[in-house]
PDB file of N, CA and C in Angstrom:
ATOM      1  N   MET A   1     -20.797 -10.053 -35.943  1.00  0.00           N
ATOM      2  CA  MET A   1     -20.009  -9.093 -36.677  1.00  0.00           C
ATOM      3  C   MET A   1     -18.535  -9.256 -36.287  1.00  0.00           C
ATOM      4  N   LEU A   2     -17.701  -9.302 -37.263  1.00  0.00           N
ATOM      5  CA  LEU A   2     -16.267  -9.446 -37.014  1.00  0.00           C
ATOM      6  C   LEU A   2     -15.644  -8.070 -36.816  1.00  0.00           C
ATOM      7  N   ARG A   3     -14.673  -8.032 -35.957  1.00  0.00           N
ATOM      8  CA  ARG A   3     -13.946  -6.792 -35.706  1.00  0.00           C
ATOM      9  C   ARG A   3     -12.552  -6.909 -36.285  1.00  0.00           C
ATOM     10  N   GLY A   4     -12.069  -5.798 -36.782  1.00  0.00           N
ATOM     11  CA  GLY A   4     -10.700  -5.760 -37.275  1.00  0.00           C
ATOM     12  C   GLY A   4      -9.747  -5.571 -36.129  1.00  0.00           C
ATOM     13  N   PRO A   5      -8.454  -5.699 -36.389  1.00  0.00           N
ATOM     14  CA  PRO A   5      -7.457  -5.574 -35.315  1.00  0.00           C
ATOM     15  C   PRO A   5      -7.507  -4.222 -34.617  1.00  0.00           C
ATOM     16  N   LYS A   6      -7.774  -3.158 -35.344  1.00  0.00           N
ATOM     17  CA  LYS A   6      -7.798  -1.827 -34.756  1.00  0.00           C
ATOM     18  C   LYS A   6      -8.998  -1.680 -33.819  1.00  0.00           C
ATOM     19  N   GLU A   7     -10.148  -2.238 -34.194  1.00  0.00           N
ATOM     20  CA  GLU A   7     -11.335  -2.159 -33.344  1.00  0.00           C
ATOM     21  C   GLU A   7     -11.133  -2.946 -32.059  1.00  0.00           C
ATOM     22  N   ASN A   8     -10.514  -4.126 -32.149  1.00  0.00           N
ATOM     23  CA  ASN A   8     -10.231  -4.908 -30.942  1.00  0.00           C
ATOM     24  C   ASN A   8      -9.273  -4.161 -30.028  1.00  0.00           C
ATOM     25  N   GLU A   9      -8.290  -3.501 -30.601  1.00  0.00           N
ATOM     26  CA  GLU A   9      -7.316  -2.736 -29.819  1.00  0.00           C
ATOM     27  C   GLU A   9      -8.007  -1.577 -29.108  1.00  0.00           C
ATOM     28  N   ASN A  10      -8.912  -0.883 -29.798  1.00  0.00           N
ATOM     29  CA  ASN A  10      -9.630   0.235 -29.182  1.00  0.00           C
ATOM     30  C   ASN A  10     -10.554  -0.248 -28.076  1.00  0.00           C
ATOM     31  N   ALA A  11     -11.206  -1.397 -28.265  1.00  0.00           N
ATOM     32  CA  ALA A  11     -12.087  -1.945 -27.240  1.00  0.00           C
ATOM     33  C   ALA A  11     -11.287  -2.302 -25.994  1.00  0.00           C
ATOM     34  N   ALA A  12     -10.114  -2.913 -26.165  1.00  0.00           N
ATOM     35  CA  ALA A  12      -9.273  -3.276 -25.023  1.00  0.00           C
ATOM     36  C   ALA A  12      -8.744  -2.032 -24.317  1.00  0.00           C
ATOM     37  N   ALA A  13      -8.488  -0.971 -25.069  1.00  0.00           N
ATOM     38  CA  ALA A  13      -7.956   0.253 -24.474  1.00  0.00           C
ATOM     39  C   ALA A  13      -8.994   0.947 -23.600  1.00  0.00           C
ATOM     40  N   SER A  14     -10.275   0.644 -23.798  1.00  0.00           N
ATOM     41  CA  SER A  14     -11.314   1.292 -23.000  1.00  0.00           C
ATOM     42  C   SER A  14     -11.710   0.465 -21.784  1.00  0.00           C
ATOM     43  N   GLN A  15     -10.921  -0.574 -21.484  1.00  0.00           N
ATOM     44  CA  GLN A  15     -11.170  -1.419 -20.327  1.00  0.00           C
ATOM     45  C   GLN A  15     -10.077  -1.216 -19.290  1.00  0.00           C
ATOM     46  N   CYS A  16     -10.448  -1.371 -18.034  1.00  0.00           N
ATOM     47  CA  CYS A  16      -9.474  -1.328 -16.949  1.00  0.00           C
ATOM     48  C   CYS A  16      -8.485  -2.479 -17.133  1.00  0.00           C
ATOM     49  N   SER A  17      -7.216  -2.216 -16.960  1.00  0.00           N
ATOM     50  CA  SER A  17      -6.181  -3.235 -17.136  1.00  0.00           C
ATOM     51  C   SER A  17      -6.236  -4.330 -16.087  1.00  0.00           C
ATOM     52  N   VAL A  18      -6.883  -4.082 -14.958  1.00  0.00           N
ATOM     53  CA  VAL A  18      -6.974  -5.084 -13.896  1.00  0.00           C
ATOM     54  C   VAL A  18      -8.298  -5.834 -13.957  1.00  0.00           C
ATOM     55  N   CYS A  19      -9.393  -5.102 -13.843  1.00  0.00           N
ATOM     56  CA  CYS A  19     -10.700  -5.758 -13.708  1.00  0.00           C
ATOM     57  C   CYS A  19     -11.476  -5.866 -15.012  1.00  0.00           C
ATOM     58  N   GLY A  20     -11.083  -5.113 -16.033  1.00  0.00           N
ATOM     59  CA  GLY A  20     -11.752  -5.187 -17.321  1.00  0.00           C
ATOM     60  C   GLY A  20     -13.028  -4.389 -17.427  1.00  0.00           C
ATOM     61  N   HIS A  21     -13.376  -3.658 -16.383  1.00  0.00           N
ATOM     62  CA  HIS A  21     -14.612  -2.868 -16.439  1.00  0.00           C
ATOM     63  C   HIS A  21     -14.466  -1.711 -17.412  1.00  0.00           C
ATOM     64  N   HIS A  22     -15.584  -1.387 -18.027  1.00  0.00           N
ATOM     65  CA  HIS A  22     -15.645  -0.225 -18.911  1.00  0.00           C
ATOM     66  C   HIS A  22     -16.143   0.949 -18.079  1.00  0.00           C
ATOM     67  N   SER A  23     -15.302   1.882 -17.821  1.00  0.00           N
ATOM     68  CA  SER A  23     -15.678   3.061 -17.042  1.00  0.00           C
ATOM     69  C   SER A  23     -14.674   4.159 -17.343  1.00  0.00           C
ATOM     70  N   ASP A  24     -14.781   5.252 -16.612  1.00  0.00           N
ATOM     71  CA  ASP A  24     -13.784   6.309 -16.768  1.00  0.00           C
ATOM     72  C   ASP A  24     -12.444   5.750 -16.321  1.00  0.00           C
ATOM     73  N   LEU A  25     -11.462   5.824 -17.187  1.00  0.00           N
ATOM     74  CA  LEU A  25     -10.153   5.242 -16.895  1.00  0.00           C
ATOM     75  C   LEU A  25      -9.118   6.339 -16.698  1.00  0.00           C
ATOM     76  N   VAL A  26      -8.130   6.035 -15.873  1.00  0.00           N
ATOM     77  CA  VAL A  26      -7.037   6.965 -15.628  1.00  0.00           C
ATOM     78  C   VAL A  26      -5.713   6.236 -15.845  1.00  0.00           C
ATOM     79  N   GLU A  27      -4.697   7.005 -16.188  1.00  0.00           N
ATOM     80  CA  GLU A  27      -3.338   6.484 -16.301  1.00  0.00           C
ATOM     81  C   GLU A  27      -2.560   6.959 -15.092  1.00  0.00           C
ATOM     82  N   LEU A  28      -1.770   6.077 -14.538  1.00  0.00           N
ATOM     83  CA  LEU A  28      -0.884   6.465 -13.447  1.00  0.00           C
ATOM     84  C   LEU A  28       0.452   6.890 -14.036  1.00  0.00           C
ATOM     85  N   PRO A  29       1.099   7.872 -13.442  1.00  0.00           N
ATOM     86  CA  PRO A  29       2.386   8.346 -13.965  1.00  0.00           C
ATOM     87  C   PRO A  29       3.390   7.199 -14.074  1.00  0.00           C
ATOM     88  N   GLY A  30       4.040   7.101 -15.223  1.00  0.00           N
ATOM     89  CA  GLY A  30       5.068   6.096 -15.434  1.00  0.00           C
ATOM     90  C   GLY A  30       4.547   4.738 -15.862  1.00  0.00           C
ATOM     91  N   LEU A  31       3.228   4.580 -15.968  1.00  0.00           N
ATOM     92  CA  LEU A  31       2.647   3.302 -16.378  1.00  0.00           C
ATOM     93  C   LEU A  31       1.845   3.504 -17.662  1.00  0.00           C
ATOM     94  N   ASN A  32       1.854   2.502 -18.526  1.00  0.00           N
ATOM     95  CA  ASN A  32       1.137   2.594 -19.794  1.00  0.00           C
ATOM     96  C   ASN A  32      -0.300   2.104 -19.691  1.00  0.00           C
ATOM     97  N   GLN A  33      -0.615   1.342 -18.672  1.00  0.00           N
ATOM     98  CA  GLN A  33      -1.945   0.782 -18.525  1.00  0.00           C
ATOM     99  C   GLN A  33      -2.922   1.847 -18.042  1.00  0.00           C
ATOM    100  N   LYS A  34      -4.215   1.557 -18.265  1.00  0.00           N
ATOM    101  CA  LYS A  34      -5.278   2.434 -17.762  1.00  0.00           C
ATOM    102  C   LYS A  34      -6.114   1.655 -16.764  1.00  0.00           C
ATOM    103  N   TYR A  35      -6.586   2.353 -15.737  1.00  0.00           N
ATOM    104  CA  TYR A  35      -7.294   1.708 -14.636  1.00  0.00           C
ATOM    105  C   TYR A  35      -8.578   2.464 -14.298  1.00  0.00           C
ATOM    106  N   CYS A  36      -9.569   1.719 -13.773  1.00  0.00           N
ATOM    107  CA  CYS A  36     -10.747   2.365 -13.214  1.00  0.00           C
ATOM    108  C   CYS A  36     -10.318   3.020 -11.895  1.00  0.00           C
ATOM    109  N   SER A  37     -11.185   3.808 -11.312  1.00  0.00           N
ATOM    110  CA  SER A  37     -10.787   4.556 -10.105  1.00  0.00           C
ATOM    111  C   SER A  37     -10.441   3.623  -8.948  1.00  0.00           C
ATOM    112  N   GLU A  38     -11.193   2.533  -8.778  1.00  0.00           N
ATOM    113  CA  GLU A  38     -10.924   1.612  -7.671  1.00  0.00           C
ATOM    114  C   GLU A  38      -9.581   0.907  -7.851  1.00  0.00           C
ATOM    115  N   CYS A  39      -9.340   0.404  -9.047  1.00  0.00           N
ATOM    116  CA  CYS A  39      -8.081  -0.308  -9.298  1.00  0.00           C
ATOM    117  C   CYS A  39      -6.886   0.642  -9.297  1.00  0.00           C
ATOM    118  N   SER A  40      -7.072   1.858  -9.804  1.00  0.00           N
ATOM    119  CA  SER A  40      -5.943   2.801  -9.825  1.00  0.00           C
ATOM    120  C   SER A  40      -5.500   3.131  -8.410  1.00  0.00           C
ATOM    121  N   ALA A  41      -6.447   3.257  -7.494  1.00  0.00           N
ATOM    122  CA  ALA A  41      -6.091   3.527  -6.096  1.00  0.00           C
ATOM    123  C   ALA A  41      -5.299   2.364  -5.511  1.00  0.00           C
ATOM    124  N   ASP A  42      -5.733   1.131  -5.801  1.00  0.00           N
ATOM    125  CA  ASP A  42      -5.033  -0.037  -5.270  1.00  0.00           C
ATOM    126  C   ASP A  42      -3.659  -0.214  -5.912  1.00  0.00           C
ATOM    127  N   VAL A  43      -3.550   0.039  -7.207  1.00  0.00           N
ATOM    128  CA  VAL A  43      -2.252  -0.084  -7.883  1.00  0.00           C
ATOM    129  C   VAL A  43      -1.283   0.967  -7.341  1.00  0.00           C
ATOM    130  N   ALA A  44      -1.748   2.196  -7.182  1.00  0.00           N
ATOM    131  CA  ALA A  44      -0.893   3.261  -6.644  1.00  0.00           C
ATOM    132  C   ALA A  44      -0.455   2.928  -5.218  1.00  0.00           C
ATOM    133  N   THR A  45      -1.375   2.407  -4.418  1.00  0.00           N
ATOM    134  CA  THR A  45      -1.045   2.025  -3.044  1.00  0.00           C
ATOM    135  C   THR A  45      -0.021   0.904  -3.024  1.00  0.00           C
ATOM    136  N   SER A  46      -0.169  -0.067  -3.927  1.00  0.00           N
ATOM    137  CA  SER A  46       0.800  -1.177  -3.957  1.00  0.00           C
ATOM    138  C   SER A  46       2.191  -0.693  -4.347  1.00  0.00           C
ATOM    139  N   ILE A  47       2.263   0.269  -5.241  1.00  0.00           N
ATOM    140  CA  ILE A  47       3.562   0.839  -5.628  1.00  0.00           C
ATOM    141  C   ILE A  47       4.198   1.529  -4.425  1.00  0.00           C
ATOM    142  N   LEU A  48       3.413   2.304  -3.692  1.00  0.00           N
ATOM    143  CA  LEU A  48       3.936   2.988  -2.506  1.00  0.00           C
ATOM    144  C   LEU A  48       4.366   1.997  -1.427  1.00  0.00           C
ATOM    145  N   LEU A  49       3.566   0.952  -1.231  1.00  0.00           N
ATOM    146  CA  LEU A  49       3.924  -0.057  -0.222  1.00  0.00           C
ATOM    147  C   LEU A  49       5.234  -0.756  -0.587  1.00  0.00           C
ATOM    148  N   LYS A  50       5.405  -1.099  -1.841  1.00  0.00           N
ATOM    149  CA  LYS A  50       6.658  -1.738  -2.272  1.00  0.00           C
ATOM    150  C   LYS A  50       7.853  -0.819  -2.024  1.00  0.00           C
ATOM    151  N   THR A  51       7.686   0.457  -2.295  1.00  0.00           N
ATOM    152  CA  THR A  51       8.750   1.425  -2.060  1.00  0.00           C
ATOM    153  C   THR A  51       9.085   1.517  -0.568  1.00  0.00           C
ATOM    154  N   GLU A  52       8.056   1.576   0.265  1.00  0.00           N
ATOM    155  CA  GLU A  52       8.262   1.661   1.713  1.00  0.00           C
ATOM    156  C   GLU A  52       8.881   0.370   2.269  1.00  0.00           C
ATOM    157  N   ILE A  53       8.479  -0.775   1.742  1.00  0.00           N
ATOM    158  CA  ILE A  53       9.062  -2.051   2.182  1.00  0.00           C
ATOM    159  C   ILE A  53      10.545  -2.085   1.841  1.00  0.00           C
ATOM    160  N   ASN A  54      10.884  -1.689   0.631  1.00  0.00           N
ATOM    161  CA  ASN A  54      12.299  -1.672   0.228  1.00  0.00           C
ATOM    162  C   ASN A  54      13.115  -0.710   1.083  1.00  0.00           C
ATOM    163  N   ALA A  55      12.566   0.467   1.352  1.00  0.00           N
ATOM    164  CA  ALA A  55      13.285   1.448   2.176  1.00  0.00           C
ATOM    165  C   ALA A  55      13.485   0.925   3.593  1.00  0.00           C
ATOM    166  N   ALA A  56      12.444   0.299   4.148  1.00  0.00           N
ATOM    167  CA  ALA A  56      12.565  -0.251   5.506  1.00  0.00           C
ATOM    168  C   ALA A  56      13.594  -1.375   5.537  1.00  0.00           C
ATOM    169  N   TRP A  57      13.573  -2.240   4.538  1.00  0.00           N
ATOM    170  CA  TRP A  57      14.519  -3.358   4.486  1.00  0.00           C
ATOM    171  C   TRP A  57      15.959  -2.835   4.398  1.00  0.00           C
ATOM    172  N   LEU A  58      16.172  -1.848   3.529  1.00  0.00           N
ATOM    173  CA  LEU A  58      17.521  -1.298   3.370  1.00  0.00           C
ATOM    174  C   LEU A  58      18.006  -0.600   4.637  1.00  0.00           C
ATOM    175  N   ALA A  59      17.074  -0.034   5.399  1.00  0.00           N
ATOM    176  CA  ALA A  59      17.437   0.660   6.635  1.00  0.00           C
ATOM    177  C   ALA A  59      17.499  -0.287   7.832  1.00  0.00           C
ATOM    178  N   GLY A  60      17.231  -1.560   7.590  1.00  0.00           N
ATOM    179  CA  GLY A  60      17.263  -2.526   8.680  1.00  0.00           C
ATOM    180  C   GLY A  60      16.083  -2.418   9.622  1.00  0.00           C
ATOM    181  N   GLN A  61      15.002  -1.842   9.158  1.00  0.00           N
ATOM    182  CA  GLN A  61      13.818  -1.665   9.991  1.00  0.00           C
ATOM    183  C   GLN A  61      12.809  -2.786   9.725  1.00  0.00           C
ATOM    184  N   ARG A  62      11.850  -2.899  10.612  1.00  0.00           N
ATOM    185  CA  ARG A  62      10.798  -3.913  10.466  1.00  0.00           C
ATOM    186  C   ARG A  62       9.823  -3.482   9.371  1.00  0.00           C
ATOM    187  N   TYR A  63       9.410  -4.432   8.579  1.00  0.00           N
ATOM    188  CA  TYR A  63       8.497  -4.130   7.476  1.00  0.00           C
ATOM    189  C   TYR A  63       7.372  -5.160   7.369  1.00  0.00           C
ATOM    190  N   GLU A  64       7.229  -6.018   8.375  1.00  0.00           N
ATOM    191  CA  GLU A  64       6.252  -7.099   8.311  1.00  0.00           C
ATOM    192  C   GLU A  64       4.823  -6.601   8.156  1.00  0.00           C
ATOM    193  N   SER A  65       4.469  -5.529   8.865  1.00  0.00           N
ATOM    194  CA  SER A  65       3.096  -5.013   8.761  1.00  0.00           C
ATOM    195  C   SER A  65       2.834  -4.445   7.363  1.00  0.00           C
ATOM    196  N   LEU A  66       3.858  -3.816   6.772  1.00  0.00           N
ATOM    197  CA  LEU A  66       3.712  -3.319   5.404  1.00  0.00           C
ATOM    198  C   LEU A  66       3.555  -4.475   4.418  1.00  0.00           C
ATOM    199  N   ALA A  67       4.323  -5.541   4.633  1.00  0.00           N
ATOM    200  CA  ALA A  67       4.234  -6.707   3.759  1.00  0.00           C
ATOM    201  C   ALA A  67       2.872  -7.378   3.880  1.00  0.00           C
ATOM    202  N   ALA A  68       2.316  -7.419   5.084  1.00  0.00           N
ATOM    203  CA  ALA A  68       0.987  -8.002   5.278  1.00  0.00           C
ATOM    204  C   ALA A  68      -0.069  -7.160   4.571  1.00  0.00           C
ATOM    205  N   GLU A  69       0.065  -5.852   4.659  1.00  0.00           N
ATOM    206  CA  GLU A  69      -0.876  -4.968   3.970  1.00  0.00           C
ATOM    207  C   GLU A  69      -0.787  -5.138   2.457  1.00  0.00           C
ATOM    208  N   LEU A  70       0.439  -5.276   1.944  1.00  0.00           N
ATOM    209  CA  LEU A  70       0.638  -5.490   0.510  1.00  0.00           C
ATOM    210  C   LEU A  70       0.033  -6.822   0.077  1.00  0.00           C
ATOM    211  N   ALA A  71       0.184  -7.849   0.879  1.00  0.00           N
ATOM    212  CA  ALA A  71      -0.392  -9.159   0.542  1.00  0.00           C
ATOM    213  C   ALA A  71      -1.915  -9.078   0.487  1.00  0.00           C
ATOM    214  N   GLN A  72      -2.509  -8.380   1.444  1.00  0.00           N
ATOM    215  CA  GLN A  72      -3.968  -8.223   1.462  1.00  0.00           C
ATOM    216  C   GLN A  72      -4.438  -7.445   0.229  1.00  0.00           C
ATOM    217  N   LEU A  73      -3.740  -6.393  -0.104  1.00  0.00           N
ATOM    218  CA  LEU A  73      -4.066  -5.580  -1.266  1.00  0.00           C
ATOM    219  C   LEU A  73      -3.918  -6.393  -2.553  1.00  0.00           C
ATOM    220  N   SER A  74      -2.870  -7.189  -2.638  1.00  0.00           N
ATOM    221  CA  SER A  74      -2.641  -8.027  -3.818  1.00  0.00           C
ATOM    222  C   SER A  74      -3.756  -9.054  -3.990  1.00  0.00           C
ATOM    223  N   ARG A  75      -4.210  -9.639  -2.879  1.00  0.00           N
ATOM    224  CA  ARG A  75      -5.335 -10.584  -2.950  1.00  0.00           C
ATOM    225  C   ARG A  75      -6.592  -9.896  -3.475  1.00  0.00           C
ATOM    226  N   ARG A  76      -6.831  -8.677  -3.000  1.00  0.00           N
ATOM    227  CA  ARG A  76      -8.017  -7.939  -3.444  1.00  0.00           C
ATOM    228  C   ARG A  76      -7.935  -7.643  -4.945  1.00  0.00           C
ATOM    229  N   LEU A  77      -6.762  -7.249  -5.427  1.00  0.00           N
ATOM    230  CA  LEU A  77      -6.589  -6.994  -6.857  1.00  0.00           C
ATOM    231  C   LEU A  77      -6.783  -8.275  -7.666  1.00  0.00           C
ATOM    232  N   LEU A  78      -6.244  -9.368  -7.179  1.00  0.00           N
ATOM    233  CA  LEU A  78      -6.377 -10.641  -7.875  1.00  0.00           C
ATOM    234  C   LEU A  78      -7.838 -11.082  -7.928  1.00  0.00           C
ATOM    235  N   GLU A  79      -8.551 -10.956  -6.811  1.00  0.00           N
ATOM    236  CA  GLU A  79      -9.981 -11.311  -6.793  1.00  0.00           C
ATOM    237  C   GLU A  79     -10.767 -10.474  -7.787  1.00  0.00           C
ATOM    238  N   ARG A  80     -10.467  -9.188  -7.836  1.00  0.00           N
ATOM    239  CA  ARG A  80     -11.151  -8.298  -8.760  1.00  0.00           C
ATOM    240  C   ARG A  80     -10.849  -8.693 -10.214  1.00  0.00           C
ATOM    241  N   ALA A  81      -9.601  -9.030 -10.480  1.00  0.00           N
ATOM    242  CA  ALA A  81      -9.212  -9.419 -11.840  1.00  0.00           C
ATOM    243  C   ALA A  81      -9.878 -10.723 -12.264  1.00  0.00           C
ATOM    244  N   GLN A  82     -10.029 -11.645 -11.325  1.00  0.00           N
ATOM    245  CA  GLN A  82     -10.624 -12.951 -11.652  1.00  0.00           C
ATOM    246  C   GLN A  82     -12.133 -12.910 -11.687  1.00  0.00           C
ATOM    247  N   SER A  83     -12.749 -11.852 -11.198  1.00  0.00           N
ATOM    248  CA  SER A  83     -14.209 -11.794 -11.144  1.00  0.00           C
ATOM    249  C   SER A  83     -14.822 -11.354 -12.459  1.00  0.00           C
ATOM    250  N   THR A  84     -14.002 -11.001 -13.428  1.00  0.00           N
ATOM    251  CA  THR A  84     -14.552 -10.546 -14.708  1.00  0.00           C
ATOM    252  C   THR A  84     -14.792 -11.666 -15.655  1.00  0.00           C
TER     253      THR A  84
END
């Protein structure tokens, strides 16, 4: 069965923007994408880590541990995205 453009758009809107799973999706403030609960937590954490890294850098403070945590989180998001 062929789908029209509107049906394809609705199907994509019901998938997590990271992992593609069909589940209850949430929107994070300021973002247009929708995420499953696991991915939304990781995306929100990555946003906070980036903010903290920038603040530490601007204040001349050490941020290596934050950067390592962000790298680990990014790998986890990438693995999840590629597993679909």
